[in-house]
C-alpha atoms as a PDB file:
ATOM      1  CA  MET A   1       0.735 -19.628 -18.256  1.00  0.00           C
ATOM      2  CA  ASN A   2      -2.146 -17.695 -16.670  1.00  0.00           C
ATOM      3  CA  ASN A   3      -1.229 -13.991 -16.631  1.00  0.00           C
ATOM      4  CA  ARG A   4      -2.124 -13.784 -12.946  1.00  0.00           C
ATOM      5  CA  TYR A   5       0.540 -16.358 -12.088  1.00  0.00           C
ATOM      6  CA  LEU A   6       3.021 -14.881 -14.559  1.00  0.00           C
ATOM      7  CA  GLY A   7       2.601 -11.497 -12.868  1.00  0.00           C
ATOM      8  CA  ALA A   8       3.157 -13.058  -9.453  1.00  0.00           C
ATOM      9  CA  LEU A   9       6.359 -14.641 -10.795  1.00  0.00           C
ATOM     10  CA  ILE A  10       7.580 -11.287 -12.124  1.00  0.00           C
ATOM     11  CA  ILE A  11       7.181  -9.518  -8.766  1.00  0.00           C
ATOM     12  CA  SER A  12       8.617 -12.433  -6.764  1.00  0.00           C
ATOM     13  CA  PRO A  13      12.149 -10.870  -6.713  1.00  0.00           C
ATOM     14  CA  PHE A  14      10.648  -8.314  -4.319  1.00  0.00           C
ATOM     15  CA  ILE A  15      10.886 -11.055  -1.692  1.00  0.00           C
ATOM     16  CA  ILE A  16      14.683 -10.808  -1.944  1.00  0.00           C
ATOM     17  CA  PHE A  17      14.523  -7.216  -0.693  1.00  0.00           C
ATOM     18  CA  LEU A  18      12.362  -8.322   2.251  1.00  0.00           C
ATOM     19  CA  PHE A  19      15.115 -10.740   3.235  1.00  0.00           C
ATOM     20  CA  LEU A  20      17.839  -8.135   2.715  1.00  0.00           C
ATOM     21  CA  GLY A  21      15.971  -5.427   4.649  1.00  0.00           C
ATOM     22  CA  GLY A  22      17.802  -2.276   5.752  1.00  0.00           C
ATOM     23  CA  ILE A  23      18.896   0.241   3.154  1.00  0.00           C
ATOM     24  CA  TYR A  24      18.177  -2.170   0.274  1.00  0.00           C
ATOM     25  CA  LEU A  25      14.519  -2.461   1.223  1.00  0.00           C
ATOM     26  CA  LYS A  26      14.275   1.265   1.934  1.00  0.00           C
ATOM     27  CA  TYR A  27      15.422   2.356  -1.516  1.00  0.00           C
ATOM     28  CA  PHE A  28      13.486  -0.366  -3.280  1.00  0.00           C
ATOM     29  CA  VAL A  29      10.354   0.917  -1.554  1.00  0.00           C
ATOM     30  CA  LEU A  30      11.363   4.421  -2.685  1.00  0.00           C
ATOM     31  CA  ILE A  31      11.332   3.163  -6.280  1.00  0.00           C
ATOM     32  CA  LEU A  32       7.916   1.571  -5.717  1.00  0.00           C
ATOM     33  CA  SER A  33       6.662   4.863  -4.255  1.00  0.00           C
ATOM     34  CA  LEU A  34       7.870   6.945  -7.195  1.00  0.00           C
ATOM     35  CA  SER A  35       6.363   4.425  -9.627  1.00  0.00           C
ATOM     36  CA  GLY A  36       3.042   4.436  -7.777  1.00  0.00           C
ATOM     37  CA  MET A  37       2.955   8.235  -7.725  1.00  0.00           C
ATOM     38  CA  TYR A  38       3.648   8.305 -11.453  1.00  0.00           C
ATOM     39  CA  GLU A  39       0.713   5.959 -12.054  1.00  0.00           C
ATOM     40  CA  LEU A  40      -1.671   8.039  -9.939  1.00  0.00           C
ATOM     41  CA  TYR A  41      -0.582  11.278 -11.592  1.00  0.00           C
ATOM     42  CA  LYS A  42      -1.014   9.643 -15.002  1.00  0.00           C
ATOM     43  CA  VAL A  43      -4.584   8.414 -14.422  1.00  0.00           C
ATOM     44  CA  SER A  44      -5.589  11.731 -12.841  1.00  0.00           C
ATOM     45  CA  LYS A  45      -4.925  13.396 -16.196  1.00  0.00           C
ATOM     46  CA  PHE A  46      -7.852  11.467 -17.678  1.00  0.00           C
ATOM     47  CA  LYS A  47     -10.025  13.815 -15.603  1.00  0.00           C
ATOM     48  CA  SER A  48      -8.141  16.903 -16.788  1.00  0.00           C
ATOM     49  CA  ILE A  49      -6.260  17.126 -13.494  1.00  0.00           C
ATOM     50  CA  ASN A  50      -2.758  18.487 -13.950  1.00  0.00           C
ATOM     51  CA  PRO A  51      -0.702  17.616 -10.848  1.00  0.00           C
ATOM     52  CA  LEU A  52       2.651  19.245 -10.191  1.00  0.00           C
ATOM     53  CA  SER A  53       4.302  15.859 -10.386  1.00  0.00           C
ATOM     54  CA  TYR A  54       7.900  16.988  -9.905  1.00  0.00           C
ATOM     55  CA  VAL A  55       6.974  18.596  -6.593  1.00  0.00           C
ATOM     56  CA  GLY A  56       5.458  15.288  -5.528  1.00  0.00           C
ATOM     57  CA  TYR A  57       8.562  13.349  -6.578  1.00  0.00           C
ATOM     58  CA  PHE A  58      10.744  15.844  -4.708  1.00  0.00           C
ATOM     59  CA  LEU A  59       8.705  15.353  -1.527  1.00  0.00           C
ATOM     60  CA  CYS A  60       8.960  11.583  -1.901  1.00  0.00           C
ATOM     61  CA  ILE A  61      12.741  11.577  -2.351  1.00  0.00           C
ATOM     62  CA  VAL A  62      13.365  13.994   0.527  1.00  0.00           C
ATOM     63  CA  TYR A  63      11.072  11.947   2.755  1.00  0.00           C
ATOM     64  CA  TYR A  64      12.919   8.676   2.102  1.00  0.00           C
ATOM     65  CA  LEU A  65      16.353  10.265   2.401  1.00  0.00           C
ATOM     66  CA  THR A  66      15.439  11.403   5.922  1.00  0.00           C
ATOM     67  CA  LEU A  67      13.577   8.220   6.892  1.00  0.00           C
ATOM     68  CA  GLY A  68      15.284   6.312   9.699  1.00  0.00           C
ATOM     69  CA  ASN A  69      13.922   4.120  12.461  1.00  0.00           C
ATOM     70  CA  ASN A  70      11.184   6.717  12.952  1.00  0.00           C
ATOM     71  CA  ILE A  71       9.591   9.506  10.956  1.00  0.00           C
ATOM     72  CA  ASP A  72      11.040  12.955  11.638  1.00  0.00           C
ATOM     73  CA  TYR A  73       7.575  14.505  11.827  1.00  0.00           C
ATOM     74  CA  LYS A  74       8.824  18.037  12.502  1.00  0.00           C
ATOM     75  CA  PHE A  75      11.050  18.098   9.417  1.00  0.00           C
ATOM     76  CA  ILE A  76       8.553  16.389   7.118  1.00  0.00           C
ATOM     77  CA  PHE A  77       5.779  18.718   8.255  1.00  0.00           C
ATOM     78  CA  PHE A  78       8.057  21.676   7.510  1.00  0.00           C
ATOM     79  CA  VAL A  79       8.860  20.384   3.999  1.00  0.00           C
ATOM     80  CA  ILE A  80       5.169  19.725   3.246  1.00  0.00           C
ATOM     81  CA  ILE A  81       4.086  23.168   4.440  1.00  0.00           C
ATOM     82  CA  ILE A  82       6.803  24.957   2.434  1.00  0.00           C
ATOM     83  CA  SER A  83       5.973  22.876  -0.661  1.00  0.00           C
ATOM     84  CA  LEU A  84       2.286  23.653  -0.215  1.00  0.00           C
ATOM     85  CA  LEU A  85       3.049  27.353   0.136  1.00  0.00           C
ATOM     86  CA  ILE A  86       5.064  27.330  -3.100  1.00  0.00           C
ATOM     87  CA  MET A  87       2.439  25.306  -4.971  1.00  0.00           C
ATOM     88  CA  PHE A  88      -0.307  27.743  -3.985  1.00  0.00           C
ATOM     89  CA  CYS A  89       1.751  30.548  -5.534  1.00  0.00           C
ATOM     90  CA  ILE A  90       2.167  28.759  -8.882  1.00  0.00           C
ATOM     91  CA  PRO A  91      -1.469  29.164 -10.124  1.00  0.00           C
ATOM     92  CA  VAL A  92      -1.077  32.920  -9.694  1.00  0.00           C
ATOM     93  CA  PHE A  93       1.574  32.931 -12.433  1.00  0.00           C
ATOM     94  CA  ASP A  94       0.375  29.957 -14.472  1.00  0.00           C
ATOM     95  CA  THR A  95      -3.423  29.530 -14.632  1.00  0.00           C
ATOM     96  CA  LYS A  96      -2.955  26.076 -16.147  1.00  0.00           C
ATOM     97  CA  TYR A  97      -2.790  24.869 -12.547  1.00  0.00           C
ATOM     98  CA  ASN A  98      -5.430  25.153  -9.822  1.00  0.00           C
ATOM     99  CA  PHE A  99      -6.111  24.057  -6.240  1.00  0.00           C
ATOM    100  CA  ILE A 100      -7.320  20.603  -7.334  1.00  0.00           C
ATOM    101  CA  ASP A 101      -3.987  19.972  -9.059  1.00  0.00           C
ATOM    102  CA  ILE A 102      -2.220  20.992  -5.859  1.00  0.00           C
ATOM    103  CA  SER A 103      -4.463  18.716  -3.770  1.00  0.00           C
ATOM    104  CA  ILE A 104      -3.794  15.657  -5.960  1.00  0.00           C
ATOM    105  CA  THR A 105      -0.058  16.394  -5.928  1.00  0.00           C
ATOM    106  CA  LEU A 106       0.023  16.283  -2.136  1.00  0.00           C
ATOM    107  CA  LEU A 107      -2.473  13.411  -1.869  1.00  0.00           C
ATOM    108  CA  ALA A 108      -0.274  11.158  -4.011  1.00  0.00           C
ATOM    109  CA  PHE A 109       2.677  11.788  -1.708  1.00  0.00           C
ATOM    110  CA  LEU A 110       0.695  11.041   1.455  1.00  0.00           C
ATOM    111  CA  TYR A 111      -1.319   8.116   0.082  1.00  0.00           C
ATOM    112  CA  ILE A 112       1.491   6.352  -1.749  1.00  0.00           C
ATOM    113  CA  SER A 113       4.899   7.436  -0.442  1.00  0.00           C
ATOM    114  CA  VAL A 114       4.017   7.718   3.238  1.00  0.00           C
ATOM    115  CA  PHE A 115       1.821   4.603   3.293  1.00  0.00           C
ATOM    116  CA  PHE A 116       4.517   2.601   1.486  1.00  0.00           C
ATOM    117  CA  SER A 117       7.115   3.815   4.001  1.00  0.00           C
ATOM    118  CA  PHE A 118       5.434   1.878   6.802  1.00  0.00           C
ATOM    119  CA  ILE A 119       6.989  -1.241   5.255  1.00  0.00           C
ATOM    120  CA  VAL A 120      10.413   0.254   6.018  1.00  0.00           C
ATOM    121  CA  LEU A 121       9.368   1.456   9.469  1.00  0.00           C
ATOM    122  CA  VAL A 122       8.047  -1.982  10.445  1.00  0.00           C
ATOM    123  CA  ASN A 123      11.220  -3.612   9.171  1.00  0.00           C
ATOM    124  CA  ASN A 124      13.314  -1.217  11.300  1.00  0.00           C
ATOM    125  CA  LYS A 125      11.676  -2.333  14.557  1.00  0.00           C
ATOM    126  CA  ASP A 126      13.158  -4.999  16.841  1.00  0.00           C
ATOM    127  CA  TYR A 127      12.357  -8.315  15.155  1.00  0.00           C
ATOM    128  CA  GLY A 128      11.123  -6.205  12.248  1.00  0.00           C
ATOM    129  CA  ASN A 129      12.591  -8.698   9.790  1.00  0.00           C
ATOM    130  CA  TYR A 130       9.801 -11.015  11.004  1.00  0.00           C
ATOM    131  CA  TYR A 131       7.016  -8.484  11.504  1.00  0.00           C
ATOM    132  CA  VAL A 132       7.353  -7.035   7.996  1.00  0.00           C
ATOM    133  CA  TRP A 133       6.119 -10.331   6.572  1.00  0.00           C
ATOM    134  CA  LEU A 134       2.774  -9.816   8.321  1.00  0.00           C
ATOM    135  CA  ILE A 135       2.081  -6.952   5.905  1.00  0.00           C
ATOM    136  CA  PHE A 136       2.451  -9.176   2.860  1.00  0.00           C
ATOM    137  CA  ILE A 137       1.091 -12.416   4.283  1.00  0.00           C
ATOM    138  CA  SER A 138      -2.111 -10.716   5.436  1.00  0.00           C
ATOM    139  CA  SER A 139      -2.588  -8.835   2.173  1.00  0.00           C
ATOM    140  CA  TRP A 140      -1.656 -11.530  -0.309  1.00  0.00           C
ATOM    141  CA  MET A 141      -3.434 -14.352   1.529  1.00  0.00           C
ATOM    142  CA  CYS A 142      -6.520 -12.173   1.896  1.00  0.00           C
ATOM    143  CA  ASP A 143      -6.440 -11.446  -1.832  1.00  0.00           C
ATOM    144  CA  THR A 144      -5.859 -15.078  -2.796  1.00  0.00           C
ATOM    145  CA  SER A 145      -8.478 -16.464  -0.396  1.00  0.00           C
ATOM    146  CA  ALA A 146     -11.015 -13.852  -1.499  1.00  0.00           C
ATOM    147  CA  PHE A 147     -10.373 -14.634  -5.173  1.00  0.00           C
ATOM    148  CA  TYR A 148     -10.947 -18.369  -4.883  1.00  0.00           C
ATOM    149  CA  THR A 149     -13.770 -18.144  -2.341  1.00  0.00           C
ATOM    150  CA  GLY A 150     -15.524 -15.620  -4.553  1.00  0.00           C
ATOM    151  CA  LYS A 151     -14.889 -17.720  -7.654  1.00  0.00           C
ATOM    152  CA  PHE A 152     -16.488 -20.853  -6.216  1.00  0.00           C
ATOM    153  CA  PHE A 153     -19.011 -19.502  -3.717  1.00  0.00           C
ATOM    154  CA  GLY A 154     -19.545 -15.845  -4.544  1.00  0.00           C
ATOM    155  CA  LYS A 155     -23.156 -14.798  -5.162  1.00  0.00           C
ATOM    156  CA  THR A 156     -23.753 -11.543  -3.274  1.00  0.00           C
ATOM    157  CA  LYS A 157     -22.088  -8.464  -4.727  1.00  0.00           C
ATOM    158  CA  LEU A 158     -19.980  -6.503  -2.243  1.00  0.00           C
ATOM    159  CA  CYS A 159     -19.531  -3.078  -3.883  1.00  0.00           C
ATOM    160  CA  PRO A 160     -20.885  -3.435  -7.428  1.00  0.00           C
ATOM    161  CA  LYS A 161     -20.485   0.253  -8.275  1.00  0.00           C
ATOM    162  CA  VAL A 162     -16.808   0.199  -7.318  1.00  0.00           C
ATOM    163  CA  SER A 163     -15.650  -3.349  -8.100  1.00  0.00           C
ATOM    164  CA  PRO A 164     -18.362  -5.455  -9.792  1.00  0.00           C
ATOM    165  CA  LYS A 165     -16.604  -8.818  -9.420  1.00  0.00           C
ATOM    166  CA  LYS A 166     -16.072  -8.720  -5.664  1.00  0.00           C
ATOM    167  CA  THR A 167     -18.551 -10.594  -3.487  1.00  0.00           C
ATOM    168  CA  VAL A 168     -19.475 -10.709   0.195  1.00  0.00           C
ATOM    169  CA  GLU A 169     -18.576 -14.402   0.286  1.00  0.00           C
ATOM    170  CA  GLY A 170     -15.171 -13.650  -1.221  1.00  0.00           C
ATOM    171  CA  SER A 171     -14.629 -10.873   1.297  1.00  0.00           C
ATOM    172  CA  ILE A 172     -15.378 -13.202   4.203  1.00  0.00           C
ATOM    173  CA  GLY A 173     -13.095 -15.850   2.723  1.00  0.00           C
ATOM    174  CA  GLY A 174     -10.332 -13.269   2.410  1.00  0.00           C
ATOM    175  CA  LEU A 175     -10.770 -12.219   6.024  1.00  0.00           C
ATOM    176  CA  ILE A 176     -10.529 -15.816   7.229  1.00  0.00           C
ATOM    177  CA  GLY A 177      -7.512 -16.471   5.006  1.00  0.00           C
ATOM    178  CA  SER A 178      -5.698 -13.427   6.368  1.00  0.00           C
ATOM    179  CA  ALA A 179      -6.434 -14.266  10.011  1.00  0.00           C
ATOM    180  CA  ALA A 180      -5.472 -17.931   9.619  1.00  0.00           C
ATOM    181  CA  SER A 181      -2.242 -17.256   7.722  1.00  0.00           C
ATOM    182  CA  CYS A 182      -1.102 -14.581  10.192  1.00  0.00           C
ATOM    183  CA  GLY A 183      -1.898 -16.943  13.053  1.00  0.00           C
ATOM    184  CA  ILE A 184       0.195 -19.703  11.480  1.00  0.00           C
ATOM    185  CA  PHE A 185       3.033 -17.268  10.838  1.00  0.00           C
ATOM    186  CA  GLY A 186       2.709 -16.131  14.456  1.00  0.00           C
ATOM    187  CA  ILE A 187       3.271 -19.695  15.669  1.00  0.00           C
ATOM    188  CA  PHE A 188       6.412 -19.828  13.545  1.00  0.00           C
ATOM    189  CA  ILE A 189       7.999 -16.595  14.756  1.00  0.00           C
ATOM    190  CA  ILE A 190       7.046 -17.244  18.383  1.00  0.00           C
ATOM    191  CA  SER A 191       9.140 -20.408  18.039  1.00  0.00           C
ATOM    192  CA  ARG A 192      11.964 -18.148  16.824  1.00  0.00           C
ATOM    193  CA  GLY A 193      11.981 -16.125  20.043  1.00  0.00           C
ATOM    194  CA  VAL A 194       9.367 -13.421  19.442  1.00  0.00           C
ATOM    195  CA  SER A 195       7.502 -12.995  22.737  1.00  0.00           C
ATOM    196  CA  ILE A 196       4.039 -11.905  21.584  1.00  0.00           C
ATOM    197  CA  ALA A 197       0.833 -13.768  22.409  1.00  0.00           C
ATOM    198  CA  LEU A 198      -0.578 -15.688  19.451  1.00  0.00           C
ATOM    199  CA  ILE A 199      -3.927 -13.864  19.685  1.00  0.00           C
ATOM    200  CA  HIS A 200      -2.236 -10.635  18.534  1.00  0.00           C
ATOM    201  CA  PHE A 201      -1.196 -12.210  15.241  1.00  0.00           C
ATOM    202  CA  VAL A 202      -4.750 -13.363  14.634  1.00  0.00           C
ATOM    203  CA  ILE A 203      -6.085  -9.885  15.450  1.00  0.00           C
ATOM    204  CA  ILE A 204      -3.541  -8.317  13.076  1.00  0.00           C
ATOM    205  CA  GLY A 205      -4.714 -10.754  10.414  1.00  0.00           C
ATOM    206  CA  ILE A 206      -8.352  -9.810  10.982  1.00  0.00           C
ATOM    207  CA  VAL A 207      -7.770  -6.048  10.981  1.00  0.00           C
ATOM    208  CA  CYS A 208      -5.451  -6.241   7.973  1.00  0.00           C
ATOM    209  CA  GLY A 209      -7.957  -8.506   6.242  1.00  0.00           C
ATOM    210  CA  ILE A 210     -10.570  -5.766   6.607  1.00  0.00           C
ATOM    211  CA  PHE A 211      -8.427  -2.797   5.671  1.00  0.00           C
ATOM    212  CA  SER A 212      -6.443  -4.460   2.904  1.00  0.00           C
ATOM    213  CA  GLN A 213      -9.784  -4.979   1.167  1.00  0.00           C
ATOM    214  CA  PHE A 214     -10.564  -1.306   1.712  1.00  0.00           C
ATOM    215  CA  GLY A 215      -7.168  -0.549   0.180  1.00  0.00           C
ATOM    216  CA  ASP A 216      -8.096  -2.580  -2.880  1.00  0.00           C
ATOM    217  CA  LEU A 217     -11.507  -0.919  -3.159  1.00  0.00           C
ATOM    218  CA  THR A 218     -10.019   2.550  -2.636  1.00  0.00           C
ATOM    219  CA  ALA A 219      -7.667   2.042  -5.582  1.00  0.00           C
ATOM    220  CA  SER A 220     -10.587   0.667  -7.629  1.00  0.00           C
ATOM    221  CA  SER A 221     -12.729   3.704  -6.829  1.00  0.00           C
ATOM    222  CA  ILE A 222      -9.974   6.006  -8.101  1.00  0.00           C
ATOM    223  CA  LYS A 223      -9.687   4.006 -11.319  1.00  0.00           C
ATOM    224  CA  ARG A 224     -13.442   4.035 -11.792  1.00  0.00           C
ATOM    225  CA  PHE A 225     -13.526   7.813 -11.318  1.00  0.00           C
ATOM    226  CA  ALA A 226     -10.704   8.214 -13.839  1.00  0.00           C
ATOM    227  CA  GLY A 227     -12.337   5.769 -16.243  1.00  0.00           C
ATOM    228  CA  VAL A 228      -9.385   3.364 -16.550  1.00  0.00           C
ATOM    229  CA  LYS A 229      -9.160  -0.403 -16.059  1.00  0.00           C
ATOM    230  CA  ASP A 230      -5.628  -0.568 -14.646  1.00  0.00           C
ATOM    231  CA  TYR A 231      -3.013   1.874 -13.387  1.00  0.00           C
ATOM    232  CA  GLY A 232      -0.493   0.422 -15.839  1.00  0.00           C
ATOM    233  CA  ASN A 233       0.623  -2.739 -17.625  1.00  0.00           C
ATOM    234  CA  LEU A 234       3.930  -3.333 -15.877  1.00  0.00           C
ATOM    235  CA  ILE A 235       2.824  -6.620 -14.260  1.00  0.00           C
ATOM    236  CA  PRO A 236       0.919  -9.093 -16.516  1.00  0.00           C
ATOM    237  CA  GLY A 237      -2.435 -10.066 -15.049  1.00  0.00           C
ATOM    238  CA  HIS A 238      -2.149  -7.449 -12.318  1.00  0.00           C
ATOM    239  CA  GLY A 239      -1.648  -4.095 -14.043  1.00  0.00           C
ATOM    240  CA  GLY A 240       0.634  -1.508 -12.463  1.00  0.00           C
ATOM    241  CA  ILE A 241       2.341  -1.061  -9.114  1.00  0.00           C
ATOM    242  CA  LEU A 242      -0.817   0.329  -7.497  1.00  0.00           C
ATOM    243  CA  ASP A 243      -2.916  -2.526  -8.869  1.00  0.00           C
ATOM    244  CA  ARG A 244      -0.667  -5.042  -7.125  1.00  0.00           C
ATOM    245  CA  PHE A 245       0.226  -3.127  -3.959  1.00  0.00           C
ATOM    246  CA  ASP A 246      -3.037  -1.262  -3.269  1.00  0.00           C
ATOM    247  CA  SER A 247      -4.006  -3.500  -0.357  1.00  0.00           C
ATOM    248  CA  ILE A 248      -0.450  -3.553   1.002  1.00  0.00           C
ATOM    249  CA  LEU A 249      -0.509   0.239   1.387  1.00  0.00           C
ATOM    250  CA  PHE A 250      -3.270  -0.119   3.973  1.00  0.00           C
ATOM    251  CA  SER A 251      -2.006  -3.276   5.692  1.00  0.00           C
ATOM    252  CA  ALA A 252       1.468  -1.725   6.148  1.00  0.00           C
ATOM    253  CA  LEU A 253      -0.079   1.149   8.081  1.00  0.00           C
ATOM    254  CA  ILE A 254      -2.200  -1.212  10.212  1.00  0.00           C
ATOM    255  CA  VAL A 255       0.742  -3.462  11.147  1.00  0.00           C
ATOM    256  CA  PHE A 256       2.954  -0.507  12.060  1.00  0.00           C
ATOM    257  CA  TYR A 257       0.421   1.207  14.304  1.00  0.00           C
ATOM    258  CA  TYR A 258      -0.737  -2.033  15.920  1.00  0.00           C
ATOM    259  CA  LEU A 259       2.850  -2.855  16.845  1.00  0.00           C
ATOM    260  CA  THR A 260       3.474   0.715  17.993  1.00  0.00           C
ATOM    261  CA  PHE A 261       0.351   1.567  19.971  1.00  0.00           C
ATOM    262  CA  VAL A 262      -1.086  -1.805  21.037  1.00  0.00           C
ATOM    263  CA  LEU A 263       2.110  -3.799  21.598  1.00  0.00           C
ATOM    264  CA  ASN A 264       4.386  -0.810  22.387  1.00  0.00           C
ATOM    265  CA  ILE A 265       7.135  -2.098  20.102  1.00  0.00           C
END
């Protein structure tokens, strides 16, 4: 079996947690966040960066323990500031660490844990058990459409210095695939009682199609800087958690803020 399909089969149980939602999804996403942070901390060491990983894991766990229907911004900001204050004191006593290590420690928390948490926050909204699927449909259909469009029609390189195999044609195909699939899903959930105009689902698909590709390229740029091919080998044909969920990190944020600020949900 092609490793790409074998990897997809291995991560398919994740769908169960999407159906379960609630606390089950929340703590599964916590595990994904910790795993993703571990991968980023690990590859950063290839560039002699020495993150204070346990501080990052602590921030992640505290964040998810306090995560409800909304983010408690005041508390989280307090915890981040205190953690930052403590981390800045550490290099004074142990010169093995420096400000770059501190920056990567905090970046991993914000980039991975907070971005991942938007899956939980979308799921917690009214009709969130439907909306949360937009994150994955847009990302996975964009990825799949881009892969096959690029394979058969791709000629013009998109970002050769970051991801040599990606093409402009594949990118356009991914964008169309995301918009079309979200539109079709929109028709389905409108029939289930969700009162949102169909055009919004198409727009979500378009915006997620753009930014999920940026999410993919962002993760690729980090790997290229670190000089590694994959973040890990947990998922055959896909690599690690960040290799598989890189685009989802960005699409989760887009779906949450579109629902919040544009649709006032």
